Structure formats: structure tokens, C-alpha cells
Amino acid sequence: MIQLRQAWAISVKDVESYYGKPPLITWGLLFPAVLMLAVYVKDPATYLTIAPGIIAMTLLFGNTSMAAIVVTFEKRAGTFERLLLAPLTFQTIVLGKAASAAAYGLATSLILTTGLGLLLGLRLAQPLLFGLGLLLGAVCFSLLGLTAAVMVREVFEAMTLMNFFRFPVLFISGVFTPWSQLPAWLKPVALASPLTYVVELLHLGVKGQSEFSSPVIPLLAGIFFLLASWLLALFLFRRRASL
């Protein structure tokens, strides 16, 4: 319980210091909103096919970027070292940092989804699965952003490192092209991407349809990647956080 309160304090501090700034909220909403509007103008009849992928992309880029930026900024300013010297466990620090980044991603994604519903008539067939997809994606991608940040010292280095992961998975994870339409040799690679399962959960939430035979498959895979990201983030924090 004490660790949860400490993690909550870290999250609140990050939200107040970084994530709550209007420019960051605008940045997190403007690009996906414009992209979604362009898709809708091009083909209003089929925009629902790509809407879940755009929302998942918002989570991927927003969460990884902001989690990485906050940690690298604090490392340069020296405040991150003071956090490491405090009587806090690595689990508490990672949890607090990931929670604030995840909250940012959830907020921007929910605002985007609400806007799509009000302006373009987006409806959720299975809201629970949609919410689970957002939650799993937000936490997993935040942890991956922290993993990148703890390995470098500069913001541009963290962004470069994350782009080696983000752009390849963006085109193989069902964001723009359904997983079933990928070449046979790419499908096993797509299954190794956490974004694939987030996209499928969001598709289930919006359309009630998925590329998988059961919603249990992307749900369990999403949980697996979340746990793997948590363990990786903890491992690298212990090894490299003070470097």
C-alpha cells in the first residue's frame, strides 16, 4: 500500500509537471484527428475499418514518446538521480512513471474516440474489449518508452531508438492492412508485435470482428506483452538507471 501511494505521488507530479500542459494534449490529438478526418473524407463508407488502427497508433506514439521524453529530460536536469536516491524501490519508480504516461495515452485516445463518435458516428460494438485494448496498449507502450529512455541520455537518442521499433511494427500490425492480408512470411513477425493484439482488441470493440478466432487470443497475448514489458523495464532500470 505504501508503494502504491508513492507511485501515485510520482504519477501526479509527472502529470502536473509534464502531461497536463495544453501543447502536449494538443500534440497528442491533432495528428491522429487530422489523419482520421482525411481517411473519412476519402471514403466515408469504410473509415471504420481503419479507425481502430489510428487509435492504436495514437497510443503507440503518444505513450512511448512521452514516457521517454520525461525520463530523459529528468536525467539531463538531475532530478531523476534525486528520485533514485529517495527511499523508493525500482518497482515503485517504474510503476509511477508508467502510470502517468499511460494516463496521458488513455486520455488522448478516449478524447479522440469520443470526438469520432460525436462527429463521425463511431459506435462501439463491445465497449469492454475496446477499453481493455486501450488499457493494455497504454501500459505496455509506456513501459517500452521507459525502457528506451533508461538506455540513453538525450531525448533525440530515445526517439531514434524507439523509431527502430515503432515504424516497422506500424506497417505489420494491422493498423493500415488487416493481418490476414499480409504476406505469409510477414505474419509470424506480426504476431511478435504487441501492437497487433491491441489493434485486434480495438477492432473487436468497434466492429465486433477480429482476425483471430476468439477474443481470448489477443487478450491473453496483450497481457503477456504487458508482463514482458514490465520485467524488461525493471531489469534495465536496475542495470542502467544510474548511468
Protein backbone atom coordinates (compact mmCIF):
# COMPACT_ATOMS: atom_id res chain seq x y z
CA MET A 1 0.00 0.00 0.00
CA ILE A 2 2.88 2.37 0.79
CA GLN A 3 4.46 1.64 -2.59
CA LEU A 4 1.17 2.37 -4.34
CA ARG A 5 0.91 5.74 -2.58
CA GLN A 6 4.49 6.54 -3.53
CA ALA A 7 3.86 5.53 -7.16
CA TRP A 8 0.71 7.66 -7.15
CA ALA A 9 2.73 10.66 -5.91
CA ILE A 10 5.25 10.18 -8.74
CA SER A 11 2.44 9.96 -11.28
CA VAL A 12 0.68 13.07 -10.01
CA LYS A 13 3.95 15.00 -10.07
CA ASP A 14 4.63 13.96 -13.68
CA VAL A 15 1.10 14.82 -14.80
CA GLU A 16 1.29 18.26 -13.20
CA SER A 17 4.81 18.95 -14.47
CA TYR A 18 4.64 17.50 -17.97
CA TYR A 19 1.50 15.77 -19.23
CA GLY A 20 -1.06 18.35 -18.17
CA LYS A 21 0.36 21.06 -20.43
CA PRO A 22 -2.07 22.11 -23.22
CA PRO A 23 0.55 21.85 -26.03
CA LEU A 24 1.18 18.19 -25.21
CA ILE A 25 -2.52 17.36 -25.16
CA THR A 26 -2.98 19.17 -28.48
CA TRP A 27 0.01 17.35 -29.97
CA GLY A 28 -1.42 14.01 -28.89
CA LEU A 29 -4.77 14.74 -30.55
CA LEU A 30 -4.08 16.84 -33.65
CA PHE A 31 -2.18 14.38 -35.83
CA PRO A 32 -4.48 11.35 -35.37
CA ALA A 33 -7.58 13.54 -35.69
CA VAL A 34 -6.38 15.04 -38.99
CA LEU A 35 -5.37 11.59 -40.28
CA MET A 36 -8.74 10.13 -39.35
CA LEU A 37 -10.56 13.04 -41.00
CA ALA A 38 -8.52 12.53 -44.18
CA VAL A 39 -9.48 8.85 -44.25
CA TYR A 40 -13.14 9.72 -43.69
CA VAL A 41 -13.18 12.33 -46.48
CA LYS A 42 -11.55 9.86 -48.87
CA ASP A 43 -14.00 7.04 -48.17
CA PRO A 44 -16.78 7.68 -45.62
CA ALA A 45 -18.21 4.19 -46.13
CA THR A 46 -15.13 2.31 -44.89
CA TYR A 47 -13.48 4.61 -42.37
CA LEU A 48 -14.45 2.27 -39.52
CA THR A 49 -12.01 -0.27 -40.93
CA ILE A 50 -9.04 1.94 -40.13
CA ALA A 51 -10.35 3.84 -37.09
CA PRO A 52 -9.16 1.22 -34.53
CA GLY A 53 -5.71 1.25 -36.10
CA ILE A 54 -5.46 5.04 -35.89
CA ILE A 55 -6.47 4.96 -32.23
CA ALA A 56 -3.87 2.23 -31.54
CA MET A 57 -1.25 4.29 -33.37
CA THR A 58 -2.13 7.23 -31.12
CA LEU A 59 -1.37 5.05 -28.10
CA LEU A 60 1.87 3.73 -29.56
CA PHE A 61 3.42 7.07 -30.49
CA GLY A 62 1.97 9.12 -27.64
CA ASN A 63 2.87 6.77 -24.81
CA THR A 64 6.32 5.74 -25.97
CA SER A 65 7.29 9.33 -26.82
CA MET A 66 6.08 10.96 -23.63
CA ALA A 67 7.43 8.27 -21.29
CA ALA A 68 10.83 8.52 -22.97
CA ILE A 69 10.87 12.33 -23.04
CA VAL A 70 10.03 12.72 -19.34
CA VAL A 71 12.74 10.35 -18.12
CA THR A 72 15.47 11.65 -20.43
CA PHE A 73 14.58 15.25 -19.54
CA GLU A 74 14.81 14.45 -15.83
CA LYS A 75 18.13 12.67 -16.35
CA ARG A 76 19.57 15.77 -18.00
CA ALA A 77 18.16 18.07 -15.32
CA GLY A 78 19.46 15.89 -12.49
CA THR A 79 16.04 15.33 -10.91
CA PHE A 80 15.98 11.67 -11.92
CA GLU A 81 19.10 10.97 -9.86
CA ARG A 82 17.42 12.52 -6.81
CA LEU A 83 14.48 10.21 -7.40
CA LEU A 84 16.82 7.22 -7.45
CA LEU A 85 18.39 8.35 -4.15
CA ALA A 86 15.00 8.56 -2.46
CA PRO A 87 13.82 5.60 -0.34
CA LEU A 88 11.89 4.13 -3.27
CA THR A 89 12.10 0.73 -4.94
CA PHE A 90 12.65 0.40 -8.67
CA GLN A 91 9.19 -1.17 -8.91
CA THR A 92 7.65 1.97 -7.40
CA ILE A 93 9.52 4.31 -9.76
CA VAL A 94 8.67 2.28 -12.87
CA LEU A 95 5.05 1.93 -11.81
CA GLY A 96 4.70 5.66 -11.12
CA LYS A 97 6.34 6.72 -14.38
CA ALA A 98 4.41 4.18 -16.45
CA ALA A 99 1.09 5.08 -14.81
CA SER A 100 1.39 8.78 -15.66
CA ALA A 101 2.38 8.05 -19.28
CA ALA A 102 -0.44 5.51 -19.59
CA ALA A 103 -2.93 8.04 -18.22
CA TYR A 104 -1.81 10.52 -20.90
CA GLY A 105 -2.28 7.94 -23.65
CA LEU A 106 -5.66 6.85 -22.33
CA ALA A 107 -6.87 10.43 -22.05
CA THR A 108 -5.87 11.38 -25.61
CA SER A 109 -7.25 8.12 -27.04
CA LEU A 110 -10.57 8.47 -25.23
CA ILE A 111 -10.92 12.10 -26.34
CA LEU A 112 -10.17 11.03 -29.92
CA THR A 113 -12.69 8.18 -29.69
CA THR A 114 -15.34 10.48 -28.23
CA GLY A 115 -14.73 13.00 -31.00
CA LEU A 116 -15.06 10.30 -33.65
CA GLY A 117 -18.32 9.22 -32.06
CA LEU A 118 -19.77 12.72 -31.94
CA LEU A 119 -18.56 13.92 -35.34
CA LEU A 120 -18.37 10.78 -37.47
CA GLY A 121 -20.81 8.45 -35.75
CA LEU A 122 -18.32 5.92 -34.38
CA ARG A 123 -20.10 3.31 -32.24
CA LEU A 124 -18.64 0.61 -30.02
CA ALA A 125 -19.95 -2.92 -30.50
CA GLN A 126 -18.11 -4.25 -27.44
CA PRO A 127 -17.03 -1.39 -25.14
CA LEU A 128 -15.39 -3.72 -22.59
CA LEU A 129 -12.97 -5.22 -25.11
CA PHE A 130 -12.29 -1.75 -26.50
CA GLY A 131 -11.44 -0.46 -23.03
CA LEU A 132 -9.22 -3.46 -22.29
CA GLY A 133 -7.37 -2.91 -25.55
CA LEU A 134 -6.75 0.74 -24.67
CA LEU A 135 -5.58 -0.13 -21.16
CA LEU A 136 -3.22 -2.94 -22.20
CA GLY A 137 -1.78 -0.84 -25.01
CA ALA A 138 -1.33 2.27 -22.87
CA VAL A 139 0.57 0.46 -20.10
CA CYS A 140 2.63 -1.76 -22.43
CA PHE A 141 3.72 1.11 -24.68
CA SER A 142 4.51 3.32 -21.67
CA LEU A 143 6.80 0.62 -20.29
CA LEU A 144 8.53 0.30 -23.66
CA GLY A 145 9.07 4.07 -23.69
CA LEU A 146 10.66 3.89 -20.24
CA THR A 147 12.85 1.03 -21.45
CA ALA A 148 14.20 3.17 -24.28
CA ALA A 149 14.68 6.22 -22.06
CA VAL A 150 16.73 4.44 -19.43
CA MET A 151 19.21 3.25 -22.07
CA VAL A 152 20.16 6.74 -23.32
CA ARG A 153 20.72 10.26 -22.02
CA GLU A 154 19.34 12.51 -24.77
CA VAL A 155 15.77 12.88 -25.98
CA PHE A 156 16.72 12.51 -29.66
CA GLU A 157 18.55 9.28 -28.84
CA ALA A 158 15.44 7.88 -27.15
CA MET A 159 13.27 8.89 -30.13
CA THR A 160 15.72 7.35 -32.59
CA LEU A 161 15.81 4.12 -30.60
CA MET A 162 12.01 3.95 -30.39
CA ASN A 163 11.61 4.63 -34.11
CA PHE A 164 13.56 1.47 -34.91
CA PHE A 165 10.69 -0.35 -33.21
CA ARG A 166 7.67 1.86 -33.92
CA PHE A 167 7.78 2.34 -37.68
CA PRO A 168 8.34 -1.32 -38.63
CA VAL A 169 5.54 -2.60 -36.38
CA LEU A 170 3.23 0.18 -37.57
CA PHE A 171 3.04 -1.41 -41.02
CA ILE A 172 2.80 -5.06 -39.98
CA SER A 173 0.38 -4.88 -37.06
CA GLY A 174 -2.95 -4.35 -38.81
CA VAL A 175 -3.06 -0.56 -38.48
CA PHE A 176 -3.46 0.03 -42.22
CA THR A 177 -3.62 -3.50 -43.63
CA PRO A 178 -5.52 -6.39 -41.99
CA TRP A 179 -3.27 -9.04 -40.54
CA SER A 180 -4.84 -11.73 -42.74
CA GLN A 181 -3.81 -9.85 -45.90
CA LEU A 182 -0.11 -9.73 -45.06
CA PRO A 183 2.31 -11.96 -46.98
CA ALA A 184 2.75 -15.37 -45.38
CA TRP A 185 6.34 -14.67 -44.37
CA LEU A 186 5.33 -11.48 -42.53
CA LYS A 187 2.55 -12.98 -40.44
CA PRO A 188 4.87 -14.63 -37.85
CA VAL A 189 6.68 -11.28 -37.48
CA ALA A 190 3.36 -9.50 -36.96
CA LEU A 191 2.45 -11.98 -34.23
CA ALA A 192 5.59 -10.90 -32.34
CA SER A 193 4.31 -7.30 -32.20
CA PRO A 194 2.26 -6.15 -29.19
CA LEU A 195 0.57 -3.57 -31.43
CA THR A 196 -1.06 -6.39 -33.41
CA TYR A 197 -3.09 -7.53 -30.42
CA VAL A 198 -4.00 -4.01 -29.32
CA VAL A 199 -5.33 -3.30 -32.82
CA GLU A 200 -7.34 -6.53 -32.81
CA LEU A 201 -8.90 -5.76 -29.42
CA LEU A 202 -9.89 -2.31 -30.67
CA HIS A 203 -11.34 -3.86 -33.84
CA LEU A 204 -13.39 -6.17 -31.66
CA GLY A 205 -14.53 -3.21 -29.62
CA VAL A 206 -15.58 -1.17 -32.65
CA LYS A 207 -16.86 -3.77 -35.12
CA GLY A 208 -17.20 -6.92 -33.02
CA GLN A 209 -14.91 -8.67 -35.52
CA SER A 210 -11.30 -9.82 -35.35
CA GLU A 211 -8.68 -11.58 -37.43
CA PHE A 212 -8.40 -14.17 -34.65
CA SER A 213 -10.88 -16.95 -33.98
CA SER A 214 -11.51 -15.85 -30.38
CA PRO A 215 -11.12 -12.58 -28.44
CA VAL A 216 -9.27 -14.56 -25.79
CA ILE A 217 -6.23 -14.82 -28.09
CA PRO A 218 -5.44 -11.07 -28.42
CA LEU A 219 -6.43 -10.52 -24.79
CA LEU A 220 -4.01 -13.13 -23.43
CA ALA A 221 -1.29 -12.02 -25.85
CA GLY A 222 -1.74 -8.41 -24.73
CA ILE A 223 -1.37 -9.45 -21.08
CA PHE A 224 1.74 -11.45 -21.96
CA PHE A 225 3.39 -8.48 -23.68
CA LEU A 226 2.45 -6.21 -20.79
CA LEU A 227 4.15 -8.54 -18.28
CA ALA A 228 7.18 -8.94 -20.56
CA SER A 229 7.48 -5.15 -20.90
CA TRP A 230 7.23 -4.76 -17.13
CA LEU A 231 10.00 -7.28 -16.49
CA LEU A 232 12.21 -5.75 -19.20
CA ALA A 233 11.72 -2.24 -17.82
CA LEU A 234 12.57 -3.37 -14.28
CA PHE A 235 15.65 -5.24 -15.47
CA LEU A 236 17.02 -2.26 -17.40
CA PHE A 237 16.19 0.18 -14.62
CA ARG A 238 18.26 -1.88 -12.20
CA ARG A 239 21.14 -2.15 -14.67
CA ARG A 240 21.24 1.28 -16.29
CA ALA A 241 19.09 3.80 -14.38
CA SER A 242 22.07 5.39 -12.64
CA LEU A 243 24.24 5.61 -15.78
